[in-house]
Structure formats: structure tokens, C-alpha cells
Amino acid sequence: MAEVVTTIQQFITTEFVKDGSAIVETTNLLEEEIIDSLGIFTLVAFIESRFSVKITPEEVNLDNFETLAAISAFVESKLS
């Protein structure tokens, strides 16, 4: 769903990208220090609110939150 990717990308860009650089689906958000551990929880709260899904602590891991592509795939799986 393109809407999921776009919505999450806009949120990350607005909340976390301070230098105006663009993020793409493969940008490693943690290695590039765009999002830190506190930022992950801000992102989780946004996703839960915006998409009406519940994310368990076990689901908050690198596999699900390392890149925009991973986050989008994870959210889409929760919506299915």
C-alpha cells in the first residue's frame, strides 16, 4: 500500500530529519542515526494511533523498524 509508505515517510521526515535530507525505502534509519531508541517509541505510538493497530514489545525489533521498507511491510502485515 503506497499510502502506508507515504504516511510513514512523511512522519519520519517531519519528526526526525533535521537536515532536509530525503529518506528512501532502503535508508537504514538506525545506522544513519535518523531515529534513536526513543524515536522508535515515538514512531510506534504514531503507527498505533494512525493505523489503529497494536504493536507488542516483541515486535519492536530491528527486523521491523530498520528501514522505511521494513516498517511499511510490518504495518501492512498488521493491517491484513
C-alpha atoms as a PDB file:
ATOM      1  CA  MET A   1       0.000   0.000   0.000  1.00  0.00           C
ATOM      2  CA  ALA A   2       1.581   3.201  -1.172  1.00  0.00           C
ATOM      3  CA  GLU A   3      -0.418   5.187   1.378  1.00  0.00           C
ATOM      4  CA  VAL A   4       1.283   3.378   4.271  1.00  0.00           C
ATOM      5  CA  VAL A   5       4.765   4.092   2.905  1.00  0.00           C
ATOM      6  CA  THR A   6       3.957   7.735   2.170  1.00  0.00           C
ATOM      7  CA  THR A   7       2.341   8.365   5.554  1.00  0.00           C
ATOM      8  CA  ILE A   8       5.225   6.838   7.500  1.00  0.00           C
ATOM      9  CA  GLN A   9       7.833   8.564   5.321  1.00  0.00           C
ATOM     10  CA  GLN A  10       6.190  11.946   5.876  1.00  0.00           C
ATOM     11  CA  PHE A  11       6.060  11.383   9.650  1.00  0.00           C
ATOM     12  CA  ILE A  12       9.717  10.335   9.848  1.00  0.00           C
ATOM     13  CA  THR A  13      10.801  13.252   7.688  1.00  0.00           C
ATOM     14  CA  THR A  14       8.816  15.766   9.731  1.00  0.00           C
ATOM     15  CA  GLU A  15       9.741  14.397  13.160  1.00  0.00           C
ATOM     16  CA  PHE A  16      13.296  13.150  12.757  1.00  0.00           C
ATOM     17  CA  VAL A  17      15.064  14.509   9.668  1.00  0.00           C
ATOM     18  CA  LYS A  18      16.541  17.840  10.677  1.00  0.00           C
ATOM     19  CA  ASP A  19      18.977  18.446   7.827  1.00  0.00           C
ATOM     20  CA  GLY A  20      16.471  18.320   4.988  1.00  0.00           C
ATOM     21  CA  SER A  21      17.844  15.106   3.522  1.00  0.00           C
ATOM     22  CA  ALA A  22      15.452  12.679   1.921  1.00  0.00           C
ATOM     23  CA  ILE A  23      14.899   9.163   3.125  1.00  0.00           C
ATOM     24  CA  VAL A  24      14.144   6.319   0.756  1.00  0.00           C
ATOM     25  CA  GLU A  25      12.727   2.887   1.465  1.00  0.00           C
ATOM     26  CA  THR A  26      16.200   1.369   1.937  1.00  0.00           C
ATOM     27  CA  THR A  27      17.726   4.067   4.162  1.00  0.00           C
ATOM     28  CA  ASN A  28      18.891   2.422   7.384  1.00  0.00           C
ATOM     29  CA  LEU A  29      17.206   4.705   9.883  1.00  0.00           C
ATOM     30  CA  LEU A  30      19.239   3.471  12.843  1.00  0.00           C
ATOM     31  CA  GLU A  31      22.699   3.324  11.254  1.00  0.00           C
ATOM     32  CA  GLU A  32      22.171   6.758   9.717  1.00  0.00           C
ATOM     33  CA  GLU A  33      21.136   7.961  13.204  1.00  0.00           C
ATOM     34  CA  ILE A  34      17.868   9.346  11.893  1.00  0.00           C
ATOM     35  CA  ILE A  35      15.945   7.548  14.628  1.00  0.00           C
ATOM     36  CA  ASP A  36      17.264   6.518  18.039  1.00  0.00           C
ATOM     37  CA  SER A  37      15.702   4.205  20.624  1.00  0.00           C
ATOM     38  CA  LEU A  38      13.403   6.925  21.956  1.00  0.00           C
ATOM     39  CA  GLY A  39      12.426   7.789  18.392  1.00  0.00           C
ATOM     40  CA  ILE A  40      11.363   4.189  17.793  1.00  0.00           C
ATOM     41  CA  PHE A  41       8.795   4.507  20.564  1.00  0.00           C
ATOM     42  CA  THR A  42       7.565   7.822  19.145  1.00  0.00           C
ATOM     43  CA  LEU A  43       7.184   6.097  15.784  1.00  0.00           C
ATOM     44  CA  VAL A  44       5.389   3.123  17.376  1.00  0.00           C
ATOM     45  CA  ALA A  45       2.923   5.463  19.086  1.00  0.00           C
ATOM     46  CA  PHE A  46       2.280   7.237  15.776  1.00  0.00           C
ATOM     47  CA  ILE A  47       1.738   3.960  13.905  1.00  0.00           C
ATOM     48  CA  GLU A  48      -0.631   2.628  16.574  1.00  0.00           C
ATOM     49  CA  SER A  49      -2.636   5.841  16.522  1.00  0.00           C
ATOM     50  CA  ARG A  50      -2.665   6.454  12.769  1.00  0.00           C
ATOM     51  CA  PHE A  51      -3.322   2.894  11.615  1.00  0.00           C
ATOM     52  CA  SER A  52      -5.320   1.630  14.629  1.00  0.00           C
ATOM     53  CA  VAL A  53      -3.021  -1.321  15.254  1.00  0.00           C
ATOM     54  CA  LYS A  54      -1.465  -2.691  18.435  1.00  0.00           C
ATOM     55  CA  ILE A  55       2.285  -3.300  18.441  1.00  0.00           C
ATOM     56  CA  THR A  56       3.645  -5.644  21.102  1.00  0.00           C
ATOM     57  CA  PRO A  57       7.048  -5.122  22.730  1.00  0.00           C
ATOM     58  CA  GLU A  58       8.294  -8.285  20.976  1.00  0.00           C
ATOM     59  CA  GLU A  59       7.500  -6.714  17.600  1.00  0.00           C
ATOM     60  CA  VAL A  60       9.684  -3.677  18.277  1.00  0.00           C
ATOM     61  CA  ASN A  61      12.905  -5.019  16.787  1.00  0.00           C
ATOM     62  CA  LEU A  62      15.439  -4.281  14.051  1.00  0.00           C
ATOM     63  CA  ASP A  63      13.698  -6.540  11.537  1.00  0.00           C
ATOM     64  CA  ASN A  64      10.547  -4.413  11.721  1.00  0.00           C
ATOM     65  CA  PHE A  65      12.000  -0.916  12.222  1.00  0.00           C
ATOM     66  CA  GLU A  66      15.375  -0.702  10.475  1.00  0.00           C
ATOM     67  CA  THR A  67      14.190   0.808   7.175  1.00  0.00           C
ATOM     68  CA  LEU A  68      11.119   2.502   5.760  1.00  0.00           C
ATOM     69  CA  ALA A  69      10.512  -0.620   3.653  1.00  0.00           C
ATOM     70  CA  ALA A  70      10.636  -2.858   6.749  1.00  0.00           C
ATOM     71  CA  ILE A  71       8.334  -0.573   8.733  1.00  0.00           C
ATOM     72  CA  SER A  72       5.836  -0.361   5.877  1.00  0.00           C
ATOM     73  CA  ALA A  73       5.826  -4.140   5.343  1.00  0.00           C
ATOM     74  CA  PHE A  74       5.340  -4.662   9.072  1.00  0.00           C
ATOM     75  CA  VAL A  75       2.428  -2.205   9.249  1.00  0.00           C
ATOM     76  CA  GLU A  76       0.819  -3.695   6.153  1.00  0.00           C
ATOM     77  CA  SER A  77       1.053  -7.169   7.727  1.00  0.00           C
ATOM     78  CA  LYS A  78      -0.694  -5.818  10.839  1.00  0.00           C
ATOM     79  CA  LEU A  79      -3.455  -4.347   8.668  1.00  0.00           C
ATOM     80  CA  SER A  80      -4.079  -7.636   6.835  1.00  0.00           C
END
